[in-house]
PDB file of N, CA and C in Angstrom:
ATOM      1  N   UNK A   1     -12.505 144.855 207.632  1.00  0.00           N
ATOM      2  CA  UNK A   1     -13.379 145.874 208.163  1.00  0.00           C
ATOM      3  C   UNK A   1     -12.532 147.092 208.537  1.00  0.00           C
ATOM      4  N   UNK A   2     -13.017 148.260 208.198  1.00  0.00           N
ATOM      5  CA  UNK A   2     -12.289 149.483 208.534  1.00  0.00           C
ATOM      6  C   UNK A   2     -12.507 149.838 210.006  1.00  0.00           C
ATOM      7  N   UNK A   3     -11.661 150.716 210.503  1.00  0.00           N
ATOM      8  CA  UNK A   3     -11.799 151.191 211.887  1.00  0.00           C
ATOM      9  C   UNK A   3     -13.141 151.881 212.101  1.00  0.00           C
ATOM     10  N   UNK A   4     -13.580 152.636 211.099  1.00  0.00           N
ATOM     11  CA  UNK A   4     -14.852 153.347 211.206  1.00  0.00           C
ATOM     12  C   UNK A   4     -16.024 152.369 211.268  1.00  0.00           C
ATOM     13  N   UNK A   5     -15.973 151.319 210.445  1.00  0.00           N
ATOM     14  CA  UNK A   5     -17.037 150.311 210.463  1.00  0.00           C
ATOM     15  C   UNK A   5     -17.073 149.589 211.811  1.00  0.00           C
ATOM     16  N   UNK A   6     -15.895 149.242 212.310  1.00  0.00           N
ATOM     17  CA  UNK A   6     -15.799 148.567 213.602  1.00  0.00           C
ATOM     18  C   UNK A   6     -16.365 149.444 214.717  1.00  0.00           C
ATOM     19  N   UNK A   7     -15.996 150.710 214.714  1.00  0.00           N
ATOM     20  CA  UNK A   7     -16.486 151.631 215.735  1.00  0.00           C
ATOM     21  C   UNK A   7     -18.008 151.780 215.658  1.00  0.00           C
ATOM     22  N   UNK A   8     -18.550 151.806 214.457  1.00  0.00           N
ATOM     23  CA  UNK A   8     -20.001 151.893 214.276  1.00  0.00           C
ATOM     24  C   UNK A   8     -20.703 150.684 214.884  1.00  0.00           C
ATOM     25  N   UNK A   9     -20.163 149.501 214.655  1.00  0.00           N
ATOM     26  CA  UNK A   9     -20.743 148.272 215.215  1.00  0.00           C
ATOM     27  C   UNK A   9     -20.684 148.305 216.735  1.00  0.00           C
ATOM     28  N   UNK A  10     -19.531 148.679 217.273  1.00  0.00           N
ATOM     29  CA  UNK A  10     -19.364 148.740 218.728  1.00  0.00           C
ATOM     30  C   UNK A  10     -20.345 149.738 219.335  1.00  0.00           C
ATOM     31  N   UNK A  11     -20.440 150.920 218.748  1.00  0.00           N
ATOM     32  CA  UNK A  11     -21.358 151.938 219.267  1.00  0.00           C
ATOM     33  C   UNK A  11     -22.804 151.454 219.226  1.00  0.00           C
ATOM     34  N   UNK A  12     -23.192 150.797 218.142  1.00  0.00           N
ATOM     35  CA  UNK A  12     -24.563 150.303 218.010  1.00  0.00           C
ATOM     36  C   UNK A  12     -24.885 149.296 219.125  1.00  0.00           C
ATOM     37  N   UNK A  13     -23.968 148.368 219.379  1.00  0.00           N
ATOM     38  CA  UNK A  13     -24.197 147.370 220.430  1.00  0.00           C
ATOM     39  C   UNK A  13     -24.212 148.008 221.820  1.00  0.00           C
ATOM     40  N   UNK A  14     -23.311 148.948 222.051  1.00  0.00           N
ATOM     41  CA  UNK A  14     -23.270 149.623 223.356  1.00  0.00           C
ATOM     42  C   UNK A  14     -24.560 150.410 223.583  1.00  0.00           C
ATOM     43  N   UNK A  15     -25.008 151.142 222.574  1.00  0.00           N
ATOM     44  CA  UNK A  15     -26.257 151.901 222.698  1.00  0.00           C
ATOM     45  C   UNK A  15     -27.451 150.995 222.986  1.00  0.00           C
ATOM     46  N   UNK A  16     -27.404 149.778 222.459  1.00  0.00           N
ATOM     47  CA  UNK A  16     -28.482 148.813 222.685  1.00  0.00           C
ATOM     48  C   UNK A  16     -28.339 148.096 224.029  1.00  0.00           C
ATOM     49  N   UNK A  17     -27.287 148.440 224.782  1.00  0.00           N
ATOM     50  CA  UNK A  17     -27.064 147.796 226.073  1.00  0.00           C
ATOM     51  C   UNK A  17     -26.484 146.402 225.965  1.00  0.00           C
ATOM     52  N   UNK A  18     -25.946 146.086 224.811  1.00  0.00           N
ATOM     53  CA  UNK A  18     -25.403 144.748 224.566  1.00  0.00           C
ATOM     54  C   UNK A  18     -23.892 144.747 224.771  1.00  0.00           C
ATOM     55  N   UNK A  19     -23.500 144.950 226.009  1.00  0.00           N
ATOM     56  CA  UNK A  19     -22.083 144.937 226.372  1.00  0.00           C
ATOM     57  C   UNK A  19     -21.924 144.373 227.775  1.00  0.00           C
ATOM     58  N   UNK A  20     -20.712 143.877 228.051  1.00  0.00           N
ATOM     59  CA  UNK A  20     -20.369 143.377 229.387  1.00  0.00           C
ATOM     60  C   UNK A  20     -19.087 144.061 229.828  1.00  0.00           C
ATOM     61  N   UNK A  21     -19.070 144.504 231.067  1.00  0.00           N
ATOM     62  CA  UNK A  21     -17.872 145.114 231.645  1.00  0.00           C
ATOM     63  C   UNK A  21     -17.119 144.007 232.378  1.00  0.00           C
ATOM     64  N   UNK A  22     -15.907 143.731 231.943  1.00  0.00           N
ATOM     65  CA  UNK A  22     -15.111 142.653 232.531  1.00  0.00           C
ATOM     66  C   UNK A  22     -14.416 143.124 233.808  1.00  0.00           C
ATOM     67  N   UNK A  23     -13.993 142.169 234.616  1.00  0.00           N
ATOM     68  CA  UNK A  23     -13.437 142.461 235.938  1.00  0.00           C
ATOM     69  C   UNK A  23     -12.201 143.359 235.877  1.00  0.00           C
ATOM     70  N   UNK A  24     -11.378 143.205 234.847  1.00  0.00           N
ATOM     71  CA  UNK A  24     -10.182 144.046 234.740  1.00  0.00           C
ATOM     72  C   UNK A  24     -10.574 145.514 234.581  1.00  0.00           C
ATOM     73  N   UNK A  25     -11.627 145.763 233.815  1.00  0.00           N
ATOM     74  CA  UNK A  25     -12.124 147.140 233.656  1.00  0.00           C
ATOM     75  C   UNK A  25     -12.660 147.668 234.985  1.00  0.00           C
ATOM     76  N   UNK A  26     -13.354 146.817 235.728  1.00  0.00           N
ATOM     77  CA  UNK A  26     -13.894 147.226 237.029  1.00  0.00           C
ATOM     78  C   UNK A  26     -12.758 147.593 237.981  1.00  0.00           C
ATOM     79  N   UNK A  27     -11.704 146.806 237.974  1.00  0.00           N
ATOM     80  CA  UNK A  27     -10.550 147.114 238.837  1.00  0.00           C
ATOM     81  C   UNK A  27      -9.977 148.493 238.529  1.00  0.00           C
ATOM     82  N   UNK A  28      -9.828 148.787 237.228  1.00  0.00           N
ATOM     83  CA  UNK A  28      -9.301 150.108 236.853  1.00  0.00           C
ATOM     84  C   UNK A  28     -10.275 151.221 237.222  1.00  0.00           C
ATOM     85  N   UNK A  29     -11.573 150.970 237.094  1.00  0.00           N
ATOM     86  CA  UNK A  29     -12.559 151.984 237.490  1.00  0.00           C
ATOM     87  C   UNK A  29     -12.380 152.340 238.959  1.00  0.00           C
ATOM     88  N   UNK A  30     -12.229 151.329 239.793  1.00  0.00           N
ATOM     89  CA  UNK A  30     -12.064 151.557 241.232  1.00  0.00           C
ATOM     90  C   UNK A  30     -10.743 152.268 241.522  1.00  0.00           C
ATOM     91  N   UNK A  31      -9.654 151.781 240.927  1.00  0.00           N
ATOM     92  CA  UNK A  31      -8.325 152.342 241.192  1.00  0.00           C
ATOM     93  C   UNK A  31      -8.157 153.759 240.657  1.00  0.00           C
ATOM     94  N   UNK A  32      -8.751 154.033 239.489  1.00  0.00           N
ATOM     95  CA  UNK A  32      -8.500 155.306 238.815  1.00  0.00           C
ATOM     96  C   UNK A  32      -9.642 156.305 238.955  1.00  0.00           C
ATOM     97  N   UNK A  33     -10.775 155.884 239.492  1.00  0.00           N
ATOM     98  CA  UNK A  33     -11.836 156.825 239.812  1.00  0.00           C
ATOM     99  C   UNK A  33     -12.765 157.229 238.689  1.00  0.00           C
ATOM    100  N   UNK A  34     -12.980 156.368 237.711  1.00  0.00           N
ATOM    101  CA  UNK A  34     -13.987 156.658 236.690  1.00  0.00           C
ATOM    102  C   UNK A  34     -15.091 155.605 236.795  1.00  0.00           C
ATOM    103  N   UNK A  35     -16.203 155.875 236.140  1.00  0.00           N
ATOM    104  CA  UNK A  35     -17.377 155.012 236.271  1.00  0.00           C
ATOM    105  C   UNK A  35     -17.686 154.277 234.964  1.00  0.00           C
ATOM    106  N   UNK A  36     -18.628 153.356 235.051  1.00  0.00           N
ATOM    107  CA  UNK A  36     -19.093 152.673 233.841  1.00  0.00           C
ATOM    108  C   UNK A  36     -19.680 153.691 232.865  1.00  0.00           C
ATOM    109  N   UNK A  37     -20.415 154.666 233.381  1.00  0.00           N
ATOM    110  CA  UNK A  37     -20.989 155.701 232.518  1.00  0.00           C
ATOM    111  C   UNK A  37     -19.892 156.514 231.824  1.00  0.00           C
ATOM    112  N   UNK A  38     -18.792 156.769 232.520  1.00  0.00           N
ATOM    113  CA  UNK A  38     -17.658 157.467 231.900  1.00  0.00           C
ATOM    114  C   UNK A  38     -17.095 156.643 230.747  1.00  0.00           C
ATOM    115  N   UNK A  39     -17.008 155.332 230.957  1.00  0.00           N
ATOM    116  CA  UNK A  39     -16.496 154.446 229.923  1.00  0.00           C
ATOM    117  C   UNK A  39     -17.416 154.457 228.700  1.00  0.00           C
ATOM    118  N   UNK A  40     -18.711 154.396 228.938  1.00  0.00           N
ATOM    119  CA  UNK A  40     -19.679 154.403 227.841  1.00  0.00           C
ATOM    120  C   UNK A  40     -19.623 155.734 227.098  1.00  0.00           C
ATOM    121  N   UNK A  41     -19.560 156.834 227.828  1.00  0.00           N
ATOM    122  CA  UNK A  41     -19.446 158.157 227.200  1.00  0.00           C
ATOM    123  C   UNK A  41     -18.189 158.228 226.336  1.00  0.00           C
ATOM    124  N   UNK A  42     -17.083 157.706 226.852  1.00  0.00           N
ATOM    125  CA  UNK A  42     -15.825 157.718 226.099  1.00  0.00           C
ATOM    126  C   UNK A  42     -15.949 156.920 224.805  1.00  0.00           C
ATOM    127  N   UNK A  43     -16.697 155.841 224.835  1.00  0.00           N
ATOM    128  CA  UNK A  43     -16.886 155.034 223.625  1.00  0.00           C
ATOM    129  C   UNK A  43     -17.793 155.714 222.608  1.00  0.00           C
ATOM    130  N   UNK A  44     -18.804 156.398 223.089  1.00  0.00           N
ATOM    131  CA  UNK A  44     -19.840 156.916 222.195  1.00  0.00           C
ATOM    132  C   UNK A  44     -19.557 158.303 221.639  1.00  0.00           C
ATOM    133  N   UNK A  45     -18.795 159.122 222.337  1.00  0.00           N
ATOM    134  CA  UNK A  45     -18.614 160.516 221.928  1.00  0.00           C
ATOM    135  C   UNK A  45     -17.188 160.790 221.460  1.00  0.00           C
ATOM    136  N   UNK A  46     -17.052 161.163 220.212  1.00  0.00           N
ATOM    137  CA  UNK A  46     -15.757 161.554 219.637  1.00  0.00           C
ATOM    138  C   UNK A  46     -14.654 160.537 219.900  1.00  0.00           C
ATOM    139  N   UNK A  47     -14.982 159.270 219.747  1.00  0.00           N
ATOM    140  CA  UNK A  47     -13.996 158.217 219.967  1.00  0.00           C
ATOM    141  C   UNK A  47     -13.391 157.781 218.641  1.00  0.00           C
ATOM    142  N   UNK A  48     -12.269 157.057 218.762  1.00  0.00           N
ATOM    143  CA  UNK A  48     -11.645 156.495 217.562  1.00  0.00           C
ATOM    144  C   UNK A  48     -10.826 155.272 217.937  1.00  0.00           C
ATOM    145  N   UNK A  49     -10.727 154.363 216.984  1.00  0.00           N
ATOM    146  CA  UNK A  49      -9.905 153.173 217.164  1.00  0.00           C
ATOM    147  C   UNK A  49      -8.459 153.593 216.942  1.00  0.00           C
ATOM    148  N   UNK A  50      -7.602 153.361 217.941  1.00  0.00           N
ATOM    149  CA  UNK A  50      -6.193 153.734 217.772  1.00  0.00           C
ATOM    150  C   UNK A  50      -5.299 152.514 217.557  1.00  0.00           C
ATOM    151  N   UNK A  51      -5.775 151.341 217.929  1.00  0.00           N
ATOM    152  CA  UNK A  51      -5.054 150.100 217.641  1.00  0.00           C
ATOM    153  C   UNK A  51      -6.084 149.009 217.395  1.00  0.00           C
ATOM    154  N   UNK A  52      -5.840 148.193 216.380  1.00  0.00           N
ATOM    155  CA  UNK A  52      -6.723 147.065 216.079  1.00  0.00           C
ATOM    156  C   UNK A  52      -5.905 145.783 216.159  1.00  0.00           C
ATOM    157  N   UNK A  53      -6.454 144.825 216.852  1.00  0.00           N
ATOM    158  CA  UNK A  53      -5.814 143.517 216.993  1.00  0.00           C
ATOM    159  C   UNK A  53      -6.752 142.505 216.328  1.00  0.00           C
ATOM    160  N   UNK A  54      -6.735 142.521 215.000  1.00  0.00           N
ATOM    161  CA  UNK A  54      -7.723 141.765 214.223  1.00  0.00           C
ATOM    162  C   UNK A  54      -7.704 140.274 214.517  1.00  0.00           C
ATOM    163  N   UNK A  55      -6.504 139.701 214.707  1.00  0.00           N
ATOM    164  CA  UNK A  55      -6.424 138.260 214.958  1.00  0.00           C
ATOM    165  C   UNK A  55      -7.094 137.876 216.282  1.00  0.00           C
ATOM    166  N   UNK A  56      -7.142 138.799 217.223  1.00  0.00           N
ATOM    167  CA  UNK A  56      -7.790 138.555 218.520  1.00  0.00           C
ATOM    168  C   UNK A  56      -9.222 139.072 218.556  1.00  0.00           C
ATOM    169  N   UNK A  57      -9.622 139.758 217.495  1.00  0.00           N
ATOM    170  CA  UNK A  57     -10.929 140.421 217.438  1.00  0.00           C
ATOM    171  C   UNK A  57     -11.102 141.391 218.606  1.00  0.00           C
ATOM    172  N   UNK A  58     -10.055 142.180 218.808  1.00  0.00           N
ATOM    173  CA  UNK A  58     -10.062 143.224 219.838  1.00  0.00           C
ATOM    174  C   UNK A  58      -9.546 144.521 219.244  1.00  0.00           C
ATOM    175  N   UNK A  59      -9.887 145.622 219.914  1.00  0.00           N
ATOM    176  CA  UNK A  59      -9.363 146.916 219.498  1.00  0.00           C
ATOM    177  C   UNK A  59      -9.235 147.822 220.715  1.00  0.00           C
ATOM    178  N   UNK A  60      -8.379 148.822 220.567  1.00  0.00           N
ATOM    179  CA  UNK A  60      -8.179 149.835 221.606  1.00  0.00           C
ATOM    180  C   UNK A  60      -8.815 151.122 221.113  1.00  0.00           C
ATOM    181  N   UNK A  61      -9.729 151.647 221.895  1.00  0.00           N
ATOM    182  CA  UNK A  61     -10.456 152.859 221.522  1.00  0.00           C
ATOM    183  C   UNK A  61     -10.061 153.990 222.458  1.00  0.00           C
ATOM    184  N   UNK A  62      -9.810 155.144 221.868  1.00  0.00           N
ATOM    185  CA  UNK A  62      -9.525 156.359 222.623  1.00  0.00           C
ATOM    186  C   UNK A  62     -10.775 157.223 222.640  1.00  0.00           C
ATOM    187  N   UNK A  63     -11.199 157.563 223.836  1.00  0.00           N
ATOM    188  CA  UNK A  63     -12.311 158.482 224.021  1.00  0.00           C
ATOM    189  C   UNK A  63     -11.965 159.430 225.152  1.00  0.00           C
ATOM    190  N   UNK A  64     -12.927 160.204 225.586  1.00  0.00           N
ATOM    191  CA  UNK A  64     -12.703 161.158 226.681  1.00  0.00           C
ATOM    192  C   UNK A  64     -13.906 161.157 227.618  1.00  0.00           C
ATOM    193  N   UNK A  65     -13.665 161.563 228.830  1.00  0.00           N
ATOM    194  CA  UNK A  65     -14.737 161.728 229.804  1.00  0.00           C
ATOM    195  C   UNK A  65     -14.391 162.922 230.679  1.00  0.00           C
ATOM    196  N   UNK A  66     -15.364 163.369 231.467  1.00  0.00           N
ATOM    197  CA  UNK A  66     -15.155 164.532 232.331  1.00  0.00           C
ATOM    198  C   UNK A  66     -14.890 164.090 233.760  1.00  0.00           C
ATOM    199  N   UNK A  67     -13.752 164.541 234.298  1.00  0.00           N
ATOM    200  CA  UNK A  67     -13.444 164.361 235.716  1.00  0.00           C
ATOM    201  C   UNK A  67     -14.291 165.360 236.480  1.00  0.00           C
ATOM    202  N   UNK A  68     -14.164 165.356 237.781  1.00  0.00           N
ATOM    203  CA  UNK A  68     -14.877 166.362 238.560  1.00  0.00           C
ATOM    204  C   UNK A  68     -14.417 167.756 238.136  1.00  0.00           C
ATOM    205  N   UNK A  69     -15.255 168.703 238.335  1.00  0.00           N
ATOM    206  CA  UNK A  69     -15.012 170.099 237.939  1.00  0.00           C
ATOM    207  C   UNK A  69     -14.877 170.254 236.422  1.00  0.00           C
ATOM    208  N   UNK A  70     -15.390 169.293 235.666  1.00  0.00           N
ATOM    209  CA  UNK A  70     -15.448 169.429 234.220  1.00  0.00           C
ATOM    210  C   UNK A  70     -14.143 169.281 233.468  1.00  0.00           C
ATOM    211  N   UNK A  71     -13.114 168.775 234.109  1.00  0.00           N
ATOM    212  CA  UNK A  71     -11.828 168.585 233.424  1.00  0.00           C
ATOM    213  C   UNK A  71     -11.899 167.343 232.532  1.00  0.00           C
ATOM    214  N   UNK A  72     -11.581 167.524 231.254  1.00  0.00           N
ATOM    215  CA  UNK A  72     -11.640 166.430 230.293  1.00  0.00           C
ATOM    216  C   UNK A  72     -10.393 165.559 230.409  1.00  0.00           C
ATOM    217  N   UNK A  73     -10.590 164.246 230.353  1.00  0.00           N
ATOM    218  CA  UNK A  73      -9.478 163.311 230.449  1.00  0.00           C
ATOM    219  C   UNK A  73      -9.618 162.235 229.375  1.00  0.00           C
ATOM    220  N   UNK A  74      -8.493 161.799 228.795  1.00  0.00           N
ATOM    221  CA  UNK A  74      -8.562 160.690 227.846  1.00  0.00           C
ATOM    222  C   UNK A  74      -8.846 159.385 228.584  1.00  0.00           C
ATOM    223  N   UNK A  75      -9.475 158.466 227.895  1.00  0.00           N
ATOM    224  CA  UNK A  75      -9.729 157.140 228.449  1.00  0.00           C
ATOM    225  C   UNK A  75      -9.561 156.116 227.333  1.00  0.00           C
ATOM    226  N   UNK A  76      -8.796 155.081 227.611  1.00  0.00           N
ATOM    227  CA  UNK A  76      -8.644 153.965 226.687  1.00  0.00           C
ATOM    228  C   UNK A  76      -9.590 152.852 227.102  1.00  0.00           C
ATOM    229  N   UNK A  77     -10.247 152.256 226.117  1.00  0.00           N
ATOM    230  CA  UNK A  77     -11.126 151.114 226.366  1.00  0.00           C
ATOM    231  C   UNK A  77     -10.765 150.021 225.368  1.00  0.00           C
ATOM    232  N   UNK A  78     -10.444 148.835 225.886  1.00  0.00           N
ATOM    233  CA  UNK A  78     -10.171 147.683 225.029  1.00  0.00           C
ATOM    234  C   UNK A  78     -11.475 146.907 224.880  1.00  0.00           C
ATOM    235  N   UNK A  79     -11.889 146.729 223.623  1.00  0.00           N
ATOM    236  CA  UNK A  79     -13.139 146.036 223.322  1.00  0.00           C
ATOM    237  C   UNK A  79     -12.860 144.720 222.613  1.00  0.00           C
ATOM    238  N   UNK A  80     -13.580 143.689 223.015  1.00  0.00           N
ATOM    239  CA  UNK A  80     -13.524 142.380 222.364  1.00  0.00           C
ATOM    240  C   UNK A  80     -14.824 142.227 221.582  1.00  0.00           C
ATOM    241  N   UNK A  81     -14.697 142.047 220.269  1.00  0.00           N
ATOM    242  CA  UNK A  81     -15.874 141.928 219.415  1.00  0.00           C
ATOM    243  C   UNK A  81     -15.960 140.540 218.776  1.00  0.00           C
ATOM    244  N   UNK A  82     -15.422 139.525 219.449  1.00  0.00           N
ATOM    245  CA  UNK A  82     -15.439 138.166 218.899  1.00  0.00           C
ATOM    246  C   UNK A  82     -16.855 137.579 218.843  1.00  0.00           C
ATOM    247  N   UNK A  83     -17.741 138.056 219.687  1.00  0.00           N
ATOM    248  CA  UNK A  83     -19.140 137.651 219.660  1.00  0.00           C
ATOM    249  C   UNK A  83     -19.912 138.763 218.947  1.00  0.00           C
ATOM    250  N   UNK A  84     -20.598 138.427 217.867  1.00  0.00           N
ATOM    251  CA  UNK A  84     -21.270 139.459 217.068  1.00  0.00           C
ATOM    252  C   UNK A  84     -22.478 140.084 217.761  1.00  0.00           C
ATOM    253  N   UNK A  85     -22.927 139.471 218.849  1.00  0.00           N
ATOM    254  CA  UNK A  85     -24.137 139.949 219.518  1.00  0.00           C
ATOM    255  C   UNK A  85     -23.882 140.777 220.764  1.00  0.00           C
ATOM    256  N   UNK A  86     -22.632 140.813 221.211  1.00  0.00           N
ATOM    257  CA  UNK A  86     -22.318 141.528 222.453  1.00  0.00           C
ATOM    258  C   UNK A  86     -20.858 141.975 222.420  1.00  0.00           C
ATOM    259  N   UNK A  87     -20.585 143.100 223.040  1.00  0.00           N
ATOM    260  CA  UNK A  87     -19.221 143.625 223.134  1.00  0.00           C
ATOM    261  C   UNK A  87     -18.737 143.433 224.564  1.00  0.00           C
ATOM    262  N   UNK A  88     -17.534 142.905 224.693  1.00  0.00           N
ATOM    263  CA  UNK A  88     -16.904 142.819 226.010  1.00  0.00           C
ATOM    264  C   UNK A  88     -15.969 144.006 226.178  1.00  0.00           C
ATOM    265  N   UNK A  89     -16.173 144.770 227.238  1.00  0.00           N
ATOM    266  CA  UNK A  89     -15.276 145.868 227.581  1.00  0.00           C
ATOM    267  C   UNK A  89     -14.229 145.254 228.505  1.00  0.00           C
ATOM    268  N   UNK A  90     -13.127 144.836 227.905  1.00  0.00           N
ATOM    269  CA  UNK A  90     -12.116 144.022 228.575  1.00  0.00           C
ATOM    270  C   UNK A  90     -11.412 144.803 229.670  1.00  0.00           C
ATOM    271  N   UNK A  91     -10.968 145.989 229.326  1.00  0.00           N
ATOM    272  CA  UNK A  91     -10.334 146.857 230.309  1.00  0.00           C
ATOM    273  C   UNK A  91     -10.486 148.302 229.868  1.00  0.00           C
ATOM    274  N   UNK A  92     -10.265 149.193 230.795  1.00  0.00           N
ATOM    275  CA  UNK A  92     -10.293 150.630 230.514  1.00  0.00           C
ATOM    276  C   UNK A  92      -9.337 151.285 231.492  1.00  0.00           C
ATOM    277  N   UNK A  93      -8.677 152.331 231.026  1.00  0.00           N
ATOM    278  CA  UNK A  93      -7.697 153.000 231.885  1.00  0.00           C
ATOM    279  C   UNK A  93      -7.387 154.377 231.322  1.00  0.00           C
ATOM    280  N   UNK A  94      -6.906 155.234 232.189  1.00  0.00           N
ATOM    281  CA  UNK A  94      -6.425 156.551 231.781  1.00  0.00           C
ATOM    282  C   UNK A  94      -4.977 156.362 231.324  1.00  0.00           C
ATOM    283  N   UNK A  95      -4.658 156.688 230.061  1.00  0.00           N
ATOM    284  CA  UNK A  95      -3.289 156.485 229.577  1.00  0.00           C
ATOM    285  C   UNK A  95      -2.303 157.389 230.319  1.00  0.00           C
ATOM    286  N   UNK A  96      -1.172 156.806 230.706  1.00  0.00           N
ATOM    287  CA  UNK A  96      -0.188 157.544 231.496  1.00  0.00           C
ATOM    288  C   UNK A  96       1.219 157.299 230.973  1.00  0.00           C
ATOM    289  N   UNK A  97       2.086 158.255 231.253  1.00  0.00           N
ATOM    290  CA  UNK A  97       3.502 158.092 230.932  1.00  0.00           C
ATOM    291  C   UNK A  97       4.105 157.134 231.954  1.00  0.00           C
ATOM    292  N   UNK A  98       5.085 156.379 231.649  1.00  0.00           N
ATOM    293  CA  UNK A  98       5.875 156.355 230.418  1.00  0.00           C
ATOM    294  C   UNK A  98       5.303 155.449 229.340  1.00  0.00           C
ATOM    295  N   UNK A  99       4.190 154.751 229.617  1.00  0.00           N
ATOM    296  CA  UNK A  99       3.646 153.814 228.645  1.00  0.00           C
ATOM    297  C   UNK A  99       2.980 154.514 227.472  1.00  0.00           C
ATOM    298  N   UNK A 100       2.520 155.731 227.699  1.00  0.00           N
ATOM    299  CA  UNK A 100       1.897 156.520 226.637  1.00  0.00           C
ATOM    300  C   UNK A 100       2.510 157.915 226.641  1.00  0.00           C
ATOM    301  N   UNK A 101       3.041 158.340 225.492  1.00  0.00           N
ATOM    302  CA  UNK A 101       3.613 159.686 225.339  1.00  0.00           C
ATOM    303  C   UNK A 101       2.483 160.709 225.235  1.00  0.00           C
ATOM    304  N   UNK A 102       1.436 160.324 224.516  1.00  0.00           N
ATOM    305  CA  UNK A 102       0.219 161.121 224.391  1.00  0.00           C
ATOM    306  C   UNK A 102      -0.942 160.126 224.436  1.00  0.00           C
ATOM    307  N   UNK A 103      -2.174 160.589 224.502  1.00  0.00           N
ATOM    308  CA  UNK A 103      -3.284 159.641 224.562  1.00  0.00           C
ATOM    309  C   UNK A 103      -3.334 158.654 223.388  1.00  0.00           C
ATOM    310  N   UNK A 104      -2.744 159.021 222.256  1.00  0.00           N
ATOM    311  CA  UNK A 104      -2.804 158.150 221.083  1.00  0.00           C
ATOM    312  C   UNK A 104      -1.457 157.562 220.678  1.00  0.00           C
ATOM    313  N   UNK A 105      -0.384 157.895 221.378  1.00  0.00           N
ATOM    314  CA  UNK A 105       0.948 157.432 220.972  1.00  0.00           C
ATOM    315  C   UNK A 105       1.634 156.702 222.117  1.00  0.00           C
ATOM    316  N   UNK A 106       2.036 155.461 221.815  1.00  0.00           N
ATOM    317  CA  UNK A 106       2.696 154.629 222.826  1.00  0.00           C
ATOM    318  C   UNK A 106       4.071 155.156 223.187  1.00  0.00           C
ATOM    319  N   UNK A 107       4.430 154.955 224.430  1.00  0.00           N
ATOM    320  CA  UNK A 107       5.778 155.236 224.919  1.00  0.00           C
ATOM    321  C   UNK A 107       6.522 153.927 225.018  1.00  0.00           C
ATOM    322  N   UNK A 108       7.168 153.708 226.142  1.00  0.00           N
ATOM    323  CA  UNK A 108       7.926 152.467 226.289  1.00  0.00           C
ATOM    324  C   UNK A 108       7.014 151.327 226.720  1.00  0.00           C
ATOM    325  N   UNK A 109       7.461 150.123 226.429  1.00  0.00           N
ATOM    326  CA  UNK A 109       6.715 148.917 226.795  1.00  0.00           C
ATOM    327  C   UNK A 109       6.838 148.653 228.283  1.00  0.00           C
ATOM    328  N   UNK A 110       5.856 147.969 228.822  1.00  0.00           N
ATOM    329  CA  UNK A 110       5.881 147.580 230.241  1.00  0.00           C
ATOM    330  C   UNK A 110       6.967 146.564 230.486  1.00  0.00           C
TER     331      UNK A 110
END
């Protein structure tokens, strides 16, 4: 499956409300100050798969959301698509240095 096909499937399920937000994503929402709606917006608008972990049936999606005062920020969302009927939003976070050089390019490992 191509990245575009995968993203289409994920978007379709999210739009249908067929997703679950996992606890790790909730922790990052609280710590970093974004909401579930921000995560959904990041997935649905101008997003792209930047890493695919096919053996795990997971992928890392880069999207964007608006902080207060309209400032745009990148947001990473890890999606698990192992169940064809629902998407698990495993985690989400704002990419930061030194782990990310840019929103789409990895820096050093943890």
